[in-house]
Amino acid sequence: MIQPTVLRKFGADGDLAGRGLVARFLFVIPTSLGGWRDVQAPPVPPPIADRYTRTIHTLATTFAAWTDDPAVITLTGAAAALRIAHAERIEVQLRPGGQFHDMRE
């Protein structure tokens, strides 16, 4: 993890960006959540915590036994359509004035 100011300088460096170095990484500087958390939030209900624990355990054991290299994921028609729709929304945001314009590379 790097300080956000360092990431901004890295992304703004014309020499690095012009050579494609900046485009090789996905940088994310999330909006700060400081001050927005409920410090007295109720505990997670036991059934939800138990399901989370079982799900994480299942994922870990499944991937530990993974032998396919590389893994090939084939999208269903519906999943492919969803991916295309999402990509089209993102492309609009990459244009000048868009939310992701600074990440266009």
PDB file of N, CA and C in Angstrom:
ATOM      1  N   MET A   1       0.839  -1.165   0.000  1.00  0.00           N
ATOM      2  CA  MET A   1       0.000   0.000   0.000  1.00  0.00           C
ATOM      3  C   MET A   1       0.889   1.235   0.000  1.00  0.00           C
ATOM      4  N   ILE A   2       0.513   2.157  -0.823  1.00  0.00           N
ATOM      5  CA  ILE A   2       1.255   3.406  -0.959  1.00  0.00           C
ATOM      6  C   ILE A   2       0.313   4.548  -0.608  1.00  0.00           C
ATOM      7  N   GLN A   3       0.869   5.643  -0.154  1.00  0.00           N
ATOM      8  CA  GLN A   3       0.043   6.809   0.130  1.00  0.00           C
ATOM      9  C   GLN A   3      -0.598   7.298  -1.165  1.00  0.00           C
ATOM     10  N   PRO A   4      -1.844   7.770  -1.071  1.00  0.00           N
ATOM     11  CA  PRO A   4      -2.550   8.256  -2.271  1.00  0.00           C
ATOM     12  C   PRO A   4      -1.785   9.341  -3.022  1.00  0.00           C
ATOM     13  N   THR A   5      -1.066  10.202  -2.322  1.00  0.00           N
ATOM     14  CA  THR A   5      -0.324  11.258  -3.034  1.00  0.00           C
ATOM     15  C   THR A   5       0.757  10.671  -3.927  1.00  0.00           C
ATOM     16  N   VAL A   6       1.389   9.594  -3.482  1.00  0.00           N
ATOM     17  CA  VAL A   6       2.421   8.947  -4.297  1.00  0.00           C
ATOM     18  C   VAL A   6       1.786   8.327  -5.537  1.00  0.00           C
ATOM     19  N   LEU A   7       0.632   7.681  -5.369  1.00  0.00           N
ATOM     20  CA  LEU A   7      -0.056   7.084  -6.521  1.00  0.00           C
ATOM     21  C   LEU A   7      -0.455   8.151  -7.528  1.00  0.00           C
ATOM     22  N   ARG A   8      -0.943   9.279  -7.049  1.00  0.00           N
ATOM     23  CA  ARG A   8      -1.347  10.354  -7.963  1.00  0.00           C
ATOM     24  C   ARG A   8      -0.150  10.868  -8.762  1.00  0.00           C
ATOM     25  N   LYS A   9       0.992  11.039  -8.102  1.00  0.00           N
ATOM     26  CA  LYS A   9       2.191  11.500  -8.801  1.00  0.00           C
ATOM     27  C   LYS A   9       2.649  10.466  -9.826  1.00  0.00           C
ATOM     28  N   PHE A  10       2.600   9.204  -9.459  1.00  0.00           N
ATOM     29  CA  PHE A  10       2.989   8.123 -10.366  1.00  0.00           C
ATOM     30  C   PHE A  10       2.108   8.141 -11.612  1.00  0.00           C
ATOM     31  N   GLY A  11       0.788   8.250 -11.398  1.00  0.00           N
ATOM     32  CA  GLY A  11      -0.143   8.259 -12.524  1.00  0.00           C
ATOM     33  C   GLY A  11      -0.043   9.500 -13.382  1.00  0.00           C
ATOM     34  N   ALA A  12       0.433  10.604 -12.790  1.00  0.00           N
ATOM     35  CA  ALA A  12       0.530  11.854 -13.532  1.00  0.00           C
ATOM     36  C   ALA A  12       1.857  12.004 -14.264  1.00  0.00           C
ATOM     37  N   ASP A  13       2.792  11.102 -14.046  1.00  0.00           N
ATOM     38  CA  ASP A  13       4.110  11.183 -14.678  1.00  0.00           C
ATOM     39  C   ASP A  13       3.967  10.843 -16.163  1.00  0.00           C
ATOM     40  N   GLY A  14       4.110  11.867 -17.011  1.00  0.00           N
ATOM     41  CA  GLY A  14       3.937  11.687 -18.453  1.00  0.00           C
ATOM     42  C   GLY A  14       4.907  10.702 -19.076  1.00  0.00           C
ATOM     43  N   ASP A  15       6.131  10.668 -18.563  1.00  0.00           N
ATOM     44  CA  ASP A  15       7.115   9.730 -19.106  1.00  0.00           C
ATOM     45  C   ASP A  15       6.699   8.292 -18.858  1.00  0.00           C
ATOM     46  N   LEU A  16       6.229   8.010 -17.648  1.00  0.00           N
ATOM     47  CA  LEU A  16       5.815   6.643 -17.316  1.00  0.00           C
ATOM     48  C   LEU A  16       4.527   6.268 -18.044  1.00  0.00           C
ATOM     49  N   ALA A  17       3.566   7.187 -18.051  1.00  0.00           N
ATOM     50  CA  ALA A  17       2.287   6.903 -18.703  1.00  0.00           C
ATOM     51  C   ALA A  17       2.477   6.723 -20.203  1.00  0.00           C
ATOM     52  N   GLY A  18       3.328   7.547 -20.804  1.00  0.00           N
ATOM     53  CA  GLY A  18       3.552   7.468 -22.245  1.00  0.00           C
ATOM     54  C   GLY A  18       4.219   6.177 -22.691  1.00  0.00           C
ATOM     55  N   ARG A  19       4.862   5.487 -21.773  1.00  0.00           N
ATOM     56  CA  ARG A  19       5.527   4.226 -22.104  1.00  0.00           C
ATOM     57  C   ARG A  19       4.699   3.014 -21.713  1.00  0.00           C
ATOM     58  N   GLY A  20       3.521   3.249 -21.183  1.00  0.00           N
ATOM     59  CA  GLY A  20       2.635   2.144 -20.837  1.00  0.00           C
ATOM     60  C   GLY A  20       2.848   1.541 -19.462  1.00  0.00           C
ATOM     61  N   LEU A  21       3.792   2.082 -18.679  1.00  0.00           N
ATOM     62  CA  LEU A  21       4.049   1.502 -17.361  1.00  0.00           C
ATOM     63  C   LEU A  21       2.851   1.657 -16.436  1.00  0.00           C
ATOM     64  N   VAL A  22       2.252   2.826 -16.434  1.00  0.00           N
ATOM     65  CA  VAL A  22       1.116   3.077 -15.547  1.00  0.00           C
ATOM     66  C   VAL A  22      -0.046   2.154 -15.902  1.00  0.00           C
ATOM     67  N   ALA A  23      -0.208   1.846 -17.167  1.00  0.00           N
ATOM     68  CA  ALA A  23      -1.326   1.013 -17.615  1.00  0.00           C
ATOM     69  C   ALA A  23      -1.185  -0.445 -17.200  1.00  0.00           C
ATOM     70  N   ARG A  24      -0.042  -0.845 -16.729  1.00  0.00           N
ATOM     71  CA  ARG A  24       0.177  -2.240 -16.335  1.00  0.00           C
ATOM     72  C   ARG A  24      -0.355  -2.546 -14.944  1.00  0.00           C
ATOM     73  N   PHE A  25      -0.805  -1.528 -14.243  1.00  0.00           N
ATOM     74  CA  PHE A  25      -1.291  -1.708 -12.881  1.00  0.00           C
ATOM     75  C   PHE A  25      -2.689  -1.139 -12.755  1.00  0.00           C
ATOM     76  N   LEU A  26      -3.474  -1.714 -11.855  1.00  0.00           N
ATOM     77  CA  LEU A  26      -4.791  -1.171 -11.543  1.00  0.00           C
ATOM     78  C   LEU A  26      -4.684  -0.502 -10.187  1.00  0.00           C
ATOM     79  N   PHE A  27      -4.756   0.805 -10.182  1.00  0.00           N
ATOM     80  CA  PHE A  27      -4.667   1.554  -8.945  1.00  0.00           C
ATOM     81  C   PHE A  27      -6.063   1.935  -8.486  1.00  0.00           C
ATOM     82  N   VAL A  28      -6.300   1.768  -7.232  1.00  0.00           N
ATOM     83  CA  VAL A  28      -7.588   2.134  -6.675  1.00  0.00           C
ATOM     84  C   VAL A  28      -7.339   2.980  -5.438  1.00  0.00           C
ATOM     85  N   ILE A  29      -7.919   4.150  -5.422  1.00  0.00           N
ATOM     86  CA  ILE A  29      -7.862   5.004  -4.244  1.00  0.00           C
ATOM     87  C   ILE A  29      -9.315   5.183  -3.811  1.00  0.00           C
ATOM     88  N   PRO A  30      -9.763   4.338  -2.898  1.00  0.00           N
ATOM     89  CA  PRO A  30     -11.178   4.407  -2.504  1.00  0.00           C
ATOM     90  C   PRO A  30     -11.490   5.674  -1.727  1.00  0.00           C
ATOM     91  N   THR A  31     -12.736   6.058  -1.794  1.00  0.00           N
ATOM     92  CA  THR A  31     -13.208   7.178  -0.994  1.00  0.00           C
ATOM     93  C   THR A  31     -13.094   6.786   0.469  1.00  0.00           C
ATOM     94  N   SER A  32     -12.624   7.681   1.266  1.00  0.00           N
ATOM     95  CA  SER A  32     -12.441   7.393   2.686  1.00  0.00           C
ATOM     96  C   SER A  32     -13.774   7.064   3.351  1.00  0.00           C
ATOM     97  N   LEU A  33     -13.756   6.030   4.173  1.00  0.00           N
ATOM     98  CA  LEU A  33     -14.940   5.666   4.950  1.00  0.00           C
ATOM     99  C   LEU A  33     -14.826   6.183   6.378  1.00  0.00           C
ATOM    100  N   GLY A  34     -13.740   6.887   6.679  1.00  0.00           N
ATOM    101  CA  GLY A  34     -13.542   7.409   8.025  1.00  0.00           C
ATOM    102  C   GLY A  34     -14.705   8.276   8.444  1.00  0.00           C
ATOM    103  N   GLY A  35     -15.191   8.013   9.639  1.00  0.00           N
ATOM    104  CA  GLY A  35     -16.286   8.809  10.159  1.00  0.00           C
ATOM    105  C   GLY A  35     -17.663   8.306   9.785  1.00  0.00           C
ATOM    106  N   TRP A  36     -17.751   7.277   8.980  1.00  0.00           N
ATOM    107  CA  TRP A  36     -19.047   6.786   8.522  1.00  0.00           C
ATOM    108  C   TRP A  36     -19.407   5.435   9.115  1.00  0.00           C
ATOM    109  N   ARG A  37     -18.525   4.859   9.909  1.00  0.00           N
ATOM    110  CA  ARG A  37     -18.810   3.543  10.476  1.00  0.00           C
ATOM    111  C   ARG A  37     -19.569   3.667  11.789  1.00  0.00           C
ATOM    112  N   ASP A  38     -20.407   2.713  12.053  1.00  0.00           N
ATOM    113  CA  ASP A  38     -21.148   2.645  13.307  1.00  0.00           C
ATOM    114  C   ASP A  38     -20.265   1.899  14.304  1.00  0.00           C
ATOM    115  N   VAL A  39     -19.698   2.628  15.256  1.00  0.00           N
ATOM    116  CA  VAL A  39     -18.778   1.996  16.195  1.00  0.00           C
ATOM    117  C   VAL A  39     -19.505   1.131  17.219  1.00  0.00           C
ATOM    118  N   GLN A  40     -20.821   1.244  17.259  1.00  0.00           N
ATOM    119  CA  GLN A  40     -21.604   0.413  18.171  1.00  0.00           C
ATOM    120  C   GLN A  40     -22.544  -0.510  17.392  1.00  0.00           C
ATOM    121  N   ALA A  41     -22.068  -0.950  16.254  1.00  0.00           N
ATOM    122  CA  ALA A  41     -22.882  -1.835  15.414  1.00  0.00           C
ATOM    123  C   ALA A  41     -23.153  -3.141  16.155  1.00  0.00           C
ATOM    124  N   PRO A  42     -24.329  -3.696  15.956  1.00  0.00           N
ATOM    125  CA  PRO A  42     -24.617  -4.979  16.608  1.00  0.00           C
ATOM    126  C   PRO A  42     -23.741  -6.071  16.022  1.00  0.00           C
ATOM    127  N   PRO A  43     -23.462  -7.109  16.792  1.00  0.00           N
ATOM    128  CA  PRO A  43     -22.641  -8.205  16.260  1.00  0.00           C
ATOM    129  C   PRO A  43     -23.355  -8.914  15.110  1.00  0.00           C
ATOM    130  N   VAL A  44     -22.559  -9.537  14.284  1.00  0.00           N
ATOM    131  CA  VAL A  44     -23.114 -10.306  13.177  1.00  0.00           C
ATOM    132  C   VAL A  44     -23.909 -11.466  13.774  1.00  0.00           C
ATOM    133  N   PRO A  45     -25.141 -11.685  13.311  1.00  0.00           N
ATOM    134  CA  PRO A  45     -25.939 -12.790  13.855  1.00  0.00           C
ATOM    135  C   PRO A  45     -25.237 -14.133  13.637  1.00  0.00           C
ATOM    136  N   PRO A  46     -25.288 -15.028  14.621  1.00  0.00           N
ATOM    137  CA  PRO A  46     -24.599 -16.327  14.509  1.00  0.00           C
ATOM    138  C   PRO A  46     -24.891 -17.107  13.232  1.00  0.00           C
ATOM    139  N   PRO A  47     -26.141 -17.165  12.726  1.00  0.00           N
ATOM    140  CA  PRO A  47     -26.359 -17.924  11.483  1.00  0.00           C
ATOM    141  C   PRO A  47     -25.570 -17.351  10.293  1.00  0.00           C
ATOM    142  N   ILE A  48     -25.451 -16.029  10.245  1.00  0.00           N
ATOM    143  CA  ILE A  48     -24.710 -15.405   9.146  1.00  0.00           C
ATOM    144  C   ILE A  48     -23.210 -15.659   9.319  1.00  0.00           C
ATOM    145  N   ALA A  49     -22.706 -15.522  10.527  1.00  0.00           N
ATOM    146  CA  ALA A  49     -21.291 -15.789  10.797  1.00  0.00           C
ATOM    147  C   ALA A  49     -20.951 -17.242  10.484  1.00  0.00           C
ATOM    148  N   ASP A  50     -21.846 -18.165  10.861  1.00  0.00           N
ATOM    149  CA  ASP A  50     -21.616 -19.585  10.582  1.00  0.00           C
ATOM    150  C   ASP A  50     -21.592 -19.863   9.082  1.00  0.00           C
ATOM    151  N   ARG A  51     -22.536 -19.263   8.343  1.00  0.00           N
ATOM    152  CA  ARG A  51     -22.572 -19.469   6.897  1.00  0.00           C
ATOM    153  C   ARG A  51     -21.309 -18.896   6.243  1.00  0.00           C
ATOM    154  N   TYR A  52     -20.883 -17.726   6.698  1.00  0.00           N
ATOM    155  CA  TYR A  52     -19.655 -17.123   6.177  1.00  0.00           C
ATOM    156  C   TYR A  52     -18.470 -18.059   6.414  1.00  0.00           C
ATOM    157  N   THR A  53     -18.361 -18.585   7.621  1.00  0.00           N
ATOM    158  CA  THR A  53     -17.254 -19.486   7.958  1.00  0.00           C
ATOM    159  C   THR A  53     -17.282 -20.729   7.073  1.00  0.00           C
ATOM    160  N   ARG A  54     -18.463 -21.310   6.900  1.00  0.00           N
ATOM    161  CA  ARG A  54     -18.574 -22.505   6.046  1.00  0.00           C
ATOM    162  C   ARG A  54     -18.205 -22.181   4.591  1.00  0.00           C
ATOM    163  N   THR A  55     -18.663 -21.038   4.102  1.00  0.00           N
ATOM    164  CA  THR A  55     -18.379 -20.651   2.713  1.00  0.00           C
ATOM    165  C   THR A  55     -16.887 -20.453   2.496  1.00  0.00           C
ATOM    166  N   ILE A  56     -16.228 -19.748   3.410  1.00  0.00           N
ATOM    167  CA  ILE A  56     -14.787 -19.524   3.283  1.00  0.00           C
ATOM    168  C   ILE A  56     -14.036 -20.856   3.361  1.00  0.00           C
ATOM    169  N   HIS A  57     -14.453 -21.718   4.255  1.00  0.00           N
ATOM    170  CA  HIS A  57     -13.803 -23.035   4.380  1.00  0.00           C
ATOM    171  C   HIS A  57     -13.965 -23.841   3.097  1.00  0.00           C
ATOM    172  N   THR A  58     -15.171 -23.829   2.533  1.00  0.00           N
ATOM    173  CA  THR A  58     -15.428 -24.551   1.290  1.00  0.00           C
ATOM    174  C   THR A  58     -14.569 -24.004   0.152  1.00  0.00           C
ATOM    175  N   LEU A  59     -14.486 -22.675   0.042  1.00  0.00           N
ATOM    176  CA  LEU A  59     -13.647 -22.072  -0.998  1.00  0.00           C
ATOM    177  C   LEU A  59     -12.179 -22.462  -0.823  1.00  0.00           C
ATOM    178  N   ALA A  60     -11.702 -22.400   0.411  1.00  0.00           N
ATOM    179  CA  ALA A  60     -10.299 -22.724   0.677  1.00  0.00           C
ATOM    180  C   ALA A  60      -9.996 -24.174   0.334  1.00  0.00           C
ATOM    181  N   THR A  61     -10.857 -25.093   0.723  1.00  0.00           N
ATOM    182  CA  THR A  61     -10.593 -26.504   0.437  1.00  0.00           C
ATOM    183  C   THR A  61     -10.745 -26.801  -1.050  1.00  0.00           C
ATOM    184  N   THR A  62     -11.677 -26.115  -1.703  1.00  0.00           N
ATOM    185  CA  THR A  62     -11.860 -26.308  -3.145  1.00  0.00           C
ATOM    186  C   THR A  62     -10.610 -25.861  -3.908  1.00  0.00           C
ATOM    187  N   PHE A  63     -10.115 -24.669  -3.591  1.00  0.00           N
ATOM    188  CA  PHE A  63      -8.943 -24.163  -4.301  1.00  0.00           C
ATOM    189  C   PHE A  63      -7.667 -24.896  -3.904  1.00  0.00           C
ATOM    190  N   ALA A  64      -7.611 -25.431  -2.709  1.00  0.00           N
ATOM    191  CA  ALA A  64      -6.432 -26.197  -2.293  1.00  0.00           C
ATOM    192  C   ALA A  64      -6.302 -27.470  -3.128  1.00  0.00           C
ATOM    193  N   ALA A  65      -7.435 -28.009  -3.559  1.00  0.00           N
ATOM    194  CA  ALA A  65      -7.423 -29.242  -4.347  1.00  0.00           C
ATOM    195  C   ALA A  65      -7.381 -28.969  -5.850  1.00  0.00           C
ATOM    196  N   TRP A  66      -7.295 -27.709  -6.256  1.00  0.00           N
ATOM    197  CA  TRP A  66      -7.324 -27.330  -7.668  1.00  0.00           C
ATOM    198  C   TRP A  66      -6.103 -27.891  -8.383  1.00  0.00           C
ATOM    199  N   THR A  67      -6.334 -28.596  -9.487  1.00  0.00           N
ATOM    200  CA  THR A  67      -5.222 -29.169 -10.240  1.00  0.00           C
ATOM    201  C   THR A  67      -5.156 -28.650 -11.673  1.00  0.00           C
ATOM    202  N   ASP A  68      -6.208 -27.987 -12.137  1.00  0.00           N
ATOM    203  CA  ASP A  68      -6.209 -27.451 -13.503  1.00  0.00           C
ATOM    204  C   ASP A  68      -5.263 -26.266 -13.586  1.00  0.00           C
ATOM    205  N   ASP A  69      -4.408 -26.269 -14.610  1.00  0.00           N
ATOM    206  CA  ASP A  69      -3.510 -25.144 -14.773  1.00  0.00           C
ATOM    207  C   ASP A  69      -3.344 -24.882 -16.244  1.00  0.00           C
ATOM    208  N   PRO A  70      -3.719 -23.826 -16.794  1.00  0.00           N
ATOM    209  CA  PRO A  70      -4.487 -22.751 -16.175  1.00  0.00           C
ATOM    210  C   PRO A  70      -5.965 -23.097 -16.128  1.00  0.00           C
ATOM    211  N   ALA A  71      -6.691 -22.399 -15.301  1.00  0.00           N
ATOM    212  CA  ALA A  71      -8.139 -22.591 -15.223  1.00  0.00           C
ATOM    213  C   ALA A  71      -8.784 -21.827 -16.370  1.00  0.00           C
ATOM    214  N   VAL A  72      -9.702 -22.454 -17.046  1.00  0.00           N
ATOM    215  CA  VAL A  72     -10.427 -21.820 -18.139  1.00  0.00           C
ATOM    216  C   VAL A  72     -11.866 -21.647 -17.685  1.00  0.00           C
ATOM    217  N   ILE A  73     -12.318 -20.414 -17.728  1.00  0.00           N
ATOM    218  CA  ILE A  73     -13.690 -20.116 -17.324  1.00  0.00           C
ATOM    219  C   ILE A  73     -14.462 -19.737 -18.582  1.00  0.00           C
ATOM    220  N   THR A  74     -15.504 -20.463 -18.857  1.00  0.00           N
ATOM    221  CA  THR A  74     -16.344 -20.202 -20.014  1.00  0.00           C
ATOM    222  C   THR A  74     -17.635 -19.563 -19.528  1.00  0.00           C
ATOM    223  N   LEU A  75     -17.935 -18.382 -20.040  1.00  0.00           N
ATOM    224  CA  LEU A  75     -19.137 -17.680 -19.622  1.00  0.00           C
ATOM    225  C   LEU A  75     -20.368 -18.216 -20.354  1.00  0.00           C
ATOM    226  N   THR A  76     -21.471 -18.248 -19.633  1.00  0.00           N
ATOM    227  CA  THR A  76     -22.741 -18.562 -20.285  1.00  0.00           C
ATOM    228  C   THR A  76     -23.131 -17.368 -21.141  1.00  0.00           C
ATOM    229  N   GLY A  77     -24.104 -17.533 -21.986  1.00  0.00           N
ATOM    230  CA  GLY A  77     -24.574 -16.422 -22.811  1.00  0.00           C
ATOM    231  C   GLY A  77     -25.038 -15.249 -21.961  1.00  0.00           C
ATOM    232  N   ALA A  78     -25.769 -15.544 -20.885  1.00  0.00           N
ATOM    233  CA  ALA A  78     -26.256 -14.477 -20.006  1.00  0.00           C
ATOM    234  C   ALA A  78     -25.099 -13.766 -19.314  1.00  0.00           C
ATOM    235  N   ALA A  79     -24.100 -14.527 -18.870  1.00  0.00           N
ATOM    236  CA  ALA A  79     -22.947 -13.921 -18.202  1.00  0.00           C
ATOM    237  C   ALA A  79     -22.146 -13.072 -19.189  1.00  0.00           C
ATOM    238  N   ALA A  80     -22.004 -13.547 -20.413  1.00  0.00           N
ATOM    239  CA  ALA A  80     -21.276 -12.776 -21.425  1.00  0.00           C
ATOM    240  C   ALA A  80     -22.008 -11.462 -21.717  1.00  0.00           C
ATOM    241  N   ALA A  81     -23.329 -11.517 -21.805  1.00  0.00           N
ATOM    242  CA  ALA A  81     -24.114 -10.303 -22.042  1.00  0.00           C
ATOM    243  C   ALA A  81     -23.973  -9.322 -20.878  1.00  0.00           C
ATOM    244  N   LEU A  82     -23.948  -9.845 -19.661  1.00  0.00           N
ATOM    245  CA  LEU A  82     -23.772  -9.006 -18.478  1.00  0.00           C
ATOM    246  C   LEU A  82     -22.392  -8.350 -18.495  1.00  0.00           C
ATOM    247  N   ARG A  83     -21.358  -9.114 -18.868  1.00  0.00           N
ATOM    248  CA  ARG A  83     -20.006  -8.567 -18.946  1.00  0.00           C
ATOM    249  C   ARG A  83     -19.926  -7.458 -19.991  1.00  0.00           C
ATOM    250  N   ILE A  84     -20.548  -7.665 -21.132  1.00  0.00           N
ATOM    251  CA  ILE A  84     -20.532  -6.664 -22.193  1.00  0.00           C
ATOM    252  C   ILE A  84     -21.256  -5.394 -21.742  1.00  0.00           C
ATOM    253  N   ALA A  85     -22.405  -5.550 -21.093  1.00  0.00           N
ATOM    254  CA  ALA A  85     -23.154  -4.382 -20.608  1.00  0.00           C
ATOM    255  C   ALA A  85     -22.329  -3.595 -19.592  1.00  0.00           C
ATOM    256  N   HIS A  86     -21.658  -4.305 -18.704  1.00  0.00           N
ATOM    257  CA  HIS A  86     -20.807  -3.638 -17.716  1.00  0.00           C
ATOM    258  C   HIS A  86     -19.648  -2.927 -18.404  1.00  0.00           C
ATOM    259  N   ALA A  87     -19.000  -3.595 -19.343  1.00  0.00           N
ATOM    260  CA  ALA A  87     -17.874  -2.989 -20.066  1.00  0.00           C
ATOM    261  C   ALA A  87     -18.314  -1.732 -20.804  1.00  0.00           C
ATOM    262  N   GLU A  88     -19.509  -1.746 -21.371  1.00  0.00           N
ATOM    263  CA  GLU A  88     -20.013  -0.564 -22.077  1.00  0.00           C
ATOM    264  C   GLU A  88     -20.238   0.594 -21.107  1.00  0.00           C
ATOM    265  N   ARG A  89     -20.748   0.313 -19.899  1.00  0.00           N
ATOM    266  CA  ARG A  89     -20.929   1.369 -18.890  1.00  0.00           C
ATOM    267  C   ARG A  89     -19.580   1.945 -18.469  1.00  0.00           C
ATOM    268  N   ILE A  90     -18.599   1.084 -18.299  1.00  0.00           N
ATOM    269  CA  ILE A  90     -17.271   1.535 -17.880  1.00  0.00           C
ATOM    270  C   ILE A  90     -16.630   2.374 -18.978  1.00  0.00           C
ATOM    271  N   GLU A  91     -16.761   1.952 -20.226  1.00  0.00           N
ATOM    272  CA  GLU A  91     -16.169   2.700 -21.331  1.00  0.00           C
ATOM    273  C   GLU A  91     -16.678   4.135 -21.365  1.00  0.00           C
ATOM    274  N   VAL A  92     -17.947   4.338 -21.092  1.00  0.00           N
ATOM    275  CA  VAL A  92     -18.508   5.691 -21.066  1.00  0.00           C
ATOM    276  C   VAL A  92     -17.838   6.508 -19.964  1.00  0.00           C
ATOM    277  N   GLN A  93     -17.580   5.871 -18.820  1.00  0.00           N
ATOM    278  CA  GLN A  93     -16.962   6.571 -17.694  1.00  0.00           C
ATOM    279  C   GLN A  93     -15.482   6.863 -17.923  1.00  0.00           C
ATOM    280  N   LEU A  94     -14.864   6.218 -18.903  1.00  0.00           N
ATOM    281  CA  LEU A  94     -13.450   6.450 -19.219  1.00  0.00           C
ATOM    282  C   LEU A  94     -13.258   7.677 -20.113  1.00  0.00           C
ATOM    283  N   ARG A  95     -14.341   8.188 -20.646  1.00  0.00           N
ATOM    284  CA  ARG A  95     -14.258   9.350 -21.534  1.00  0.00           C
ATOM    285  C   ARG A  95     -13.969  10.623 -20.733  1.00  0.00           C
ATOM    286  N   PRO A  96     -13.504  11.681 -21.416  1.00  0.00           N
ATOM    287  CA  PRO A  96     -13.274  12.946 -20.701  1.00  0.00           C
ATOM    288  C   PRO A  96     -14.513  13.360 -19.908  1.00  0.00           C
ATOM    289  N   GLY A  97     -14.283  13.725 -18.670  1.00  0.00           N
ATOM    290  CA  GLY A  97     -15.374  14.112 -17.785  1.00  0.00           C
ATOM    291  C   GLY A  97     -16.005  12.942 -17.057  1.00  0.00           C
ATOM    292  N   GLY A  98     -15.653  11.725 -17.442  1.00  0.00           N
ATOM    293  CA  GLY A  98     -16.199  10.536 -16.802  1.00  0.00           C
ATOM    294  C   GLY A  98     -15.509  10.246 -15.480  1.00  0.00           C
ATOM    295  N   GLN A  99     -16.186   9.480 -14.653  1.00  0.00           N
ATOM    296  CA  GLN A  99     -15.681   9.139 -13.318  1.00  0.00           C
ATOM    297  C   GLN A  99     -14.328   8.423 -13.377  1.00  0.00           C
ATOM    298  N   PHE A 100     -14.078   7.643 -14.422  1.00  0.00           N
ATOM    299  CA  PHE A 100     -12.850   6.854 -14.505  1.00  0.00           C
ATOM    300  C   PHE A 100     -11.851   7.399 -15.525  1.00  0.00           C
ATOM    301  N   HIS A 101     -12.029   8.656 -15.955  1.00  0.00           N
ATOM    302  CA  HIS A 101     -11.179   9.213 -16.994  1.00  0.00           C
ATOM    303  C   HIS A 101      -9.704   9.137 -16.625  1.00  0.00           C
ATOM    304  N   ASP A 102      -9.378   9.300 -15.354  1.00  0.00           N
ATOM    305  CA  ASP A 102      -7.973   9.248 -14.926  1.00  0.00           C
ATOM    306  C   ASP A 102      -7.404   7.834 -14.984  1.00  0.00           C
ATOM    307  N   MET A 103      -8.235   6.831 -15.196  1.00  0.00           N
ATOM    308  CA  MET A 103      -7.776   5.429 -15.256  1.00  0.00           C
ATOM    309  C   MET A 103      -7.865   4.900 -16.689  1.00  0.00           C
ATOM    310  N   ARG A 104      -7.929   5.755 -17.661  1.00  0.00           N
ATOM    311  CA  ARG A 104      -8.221   5.326 -19.028  1.00  0.00           C
ATOM    312  C   ARG A 104      -7.176   4.433 -19.664  1.00  0.00           C
ATOM    313  N   GLU A 105      -5.941   4.443 -19.192  1.00  0.00           N
ATOM    314  CA  GLU A 105      -4.939   3.570 -19.807  1.00  0.00           C
ATOM    315  C   GLU A 105      -5.206   2.137 -19.431  1.00  0.00           C
TER     316      GLU A 105
END
